[in-house]
Amino acid sequence: MSISGIIEQERYTCAIGAMQSVVAIPRAVPILHSGPGCGEMIAGFFERSTGYAGGYTAPCTNFSEREVVFGGINRLRDIIKNTFKVLDTDLQVILTGCTAGIVGDDVDSLAAEFTAEGKPVVSVETAGFKATNLEAHSDVVNTIIDQYVSLFEAENEPRSQKSTVNLFASIPYQDPFWKGNLAEYKRLLAGIGLKVNVLFGPESKGVREWQTIPAAGFNILVSPWYGKPIVDHLKSRYGQEYAWFHHIPIGANETEGFLNQILEFALSQGTEIDEAAARAFIKHESDTYYEEIDNLATFLMEFRYGLPNHVHILHDAGYVAALSKFLLHEVGIIPKEQFITDATPEKFHEMIRADLKSASDKREIPLYFEPDAGKAQDMLRKFKHSGRGLIIGSGWDKELAREKGYDFLSAAIPSPYRLVLATNYAGFRGGLRVIEDIYHMVLSTYS
């Protein structure tokens, strides 16, 4: 995808921002073959994102004019050697910046040198002018599969573990709730009888888990578009089919739909699952959710005239569809104009529109694909609706909400007004957390 010109309030980064996908793998280290400003920019954009050796501590060749003229391979070789000396790392992933991409250093050959010595090093081309970090996330994962995971195929026969699945869902750090979401997906999928490779974050076993990717019976993609190249690649390489759920399942309706879809797909793939126990688990989770919703009824009746009745969301495609459906059907907040700000490739637009349209056959939800969030805000200023409004977006949108007299919930990056550690928005529990966050914010205005 190509975006030309200057945009305002960017909510994603260039390709080298996919270093965060490396940071999210336990004991993996990104090696930046770039100028020093690249890592600094990413660390500033993704706050609290250091991980094992990321952020401002990521090893970097500090590409300068000298490397532009003479090349930077020798300097990169020294950085990798020294990183192995200083850090106890299981995997090093070289990511190239724009200058290295223009100069054309043969980074792949250098990575192959270390691989021949038995050291786990892979290289990914992430020149910033080539893609966004959402697209480059797939490049990073596929490169690790081709250059590292492939070395362990002999002991991990493709599709030999029928009840194991590889999950590809929240992009680390791009999704502020990625840790909590991955943990919740793992819990829910384990509840229906599956063993889940989440691959990223504290729920992952690190590179040992990555090594078993080929053995999984099938893959699960929870995404409107990002990550699709990964499951397509795995299908081509290992013959693994995949189940695709097009947005984040939030609340009872979508989570039940998600789990039932995965259960039926698993059974169609010959996975040995106790179907009765799986459906009992889904019912139990749903019953627990609705018990809390019942407890909410008194509060809603008491405050019904002082709660938001409509919402605008500025987020990536997965969250816009997910939150719109959830708020409409399970909270009673009407989605008005919605803005997808993740630079979604045009070939996915129609499918995402159809997904959002399926939220209601009685109400049309206006949808705009606008990677320039400054333009999205200008559009939003012109829309007028009666009642109390709510904006769900990034920290950029707080002043807009104040300007319009709306409530505001920070749920996208950059998010300097909120600390997120292990909170999840996915699943039954995630739905309850969204309700808590919205009404906690509303109640705070009465103090």
Foldseek 3Di string as FASTA:
>chain_A
DADDDDFAPFFFFFQVLLQLVQLQFAQEAEEEAEALVVLQVSCVFLDPRCHPQGRNRGHYLNDDPVCLVVNCPVSSLVSVVVCVVPGVGQAYEYEYEQSCVVSPPPVQVSQVVVVVVVHHYWYFYGHRNPGINLQSNLRRLVRCCVRPLVVLCVVQPAQQQLQEEEEAEDSPSQFLQVQQLLVVVQVLSVQQPHHYQPSGHPVHPGVVSVNNNRRYNAYEYAAQDRPVSNRVVSCVPRVHYYDYHHAFAFALPRQLVVQVSVSVVSVVSVHDTPRVSSVVSSVVLNVVLVVVVVVCVVVCVVCVQQAAQEEEEEEALRCQQNVQLLCVPPVNRHYEEYEHQNCDPPVSVVVSLVSSCVSDPVDHHHYYYHNRVVVVLVVVVPDDDDGAYEYEEAPVCPVSCVVVVHFYDHRGPPHPPDDRDNQHLHDNVNNVVVVVRRVVSSVVVVD
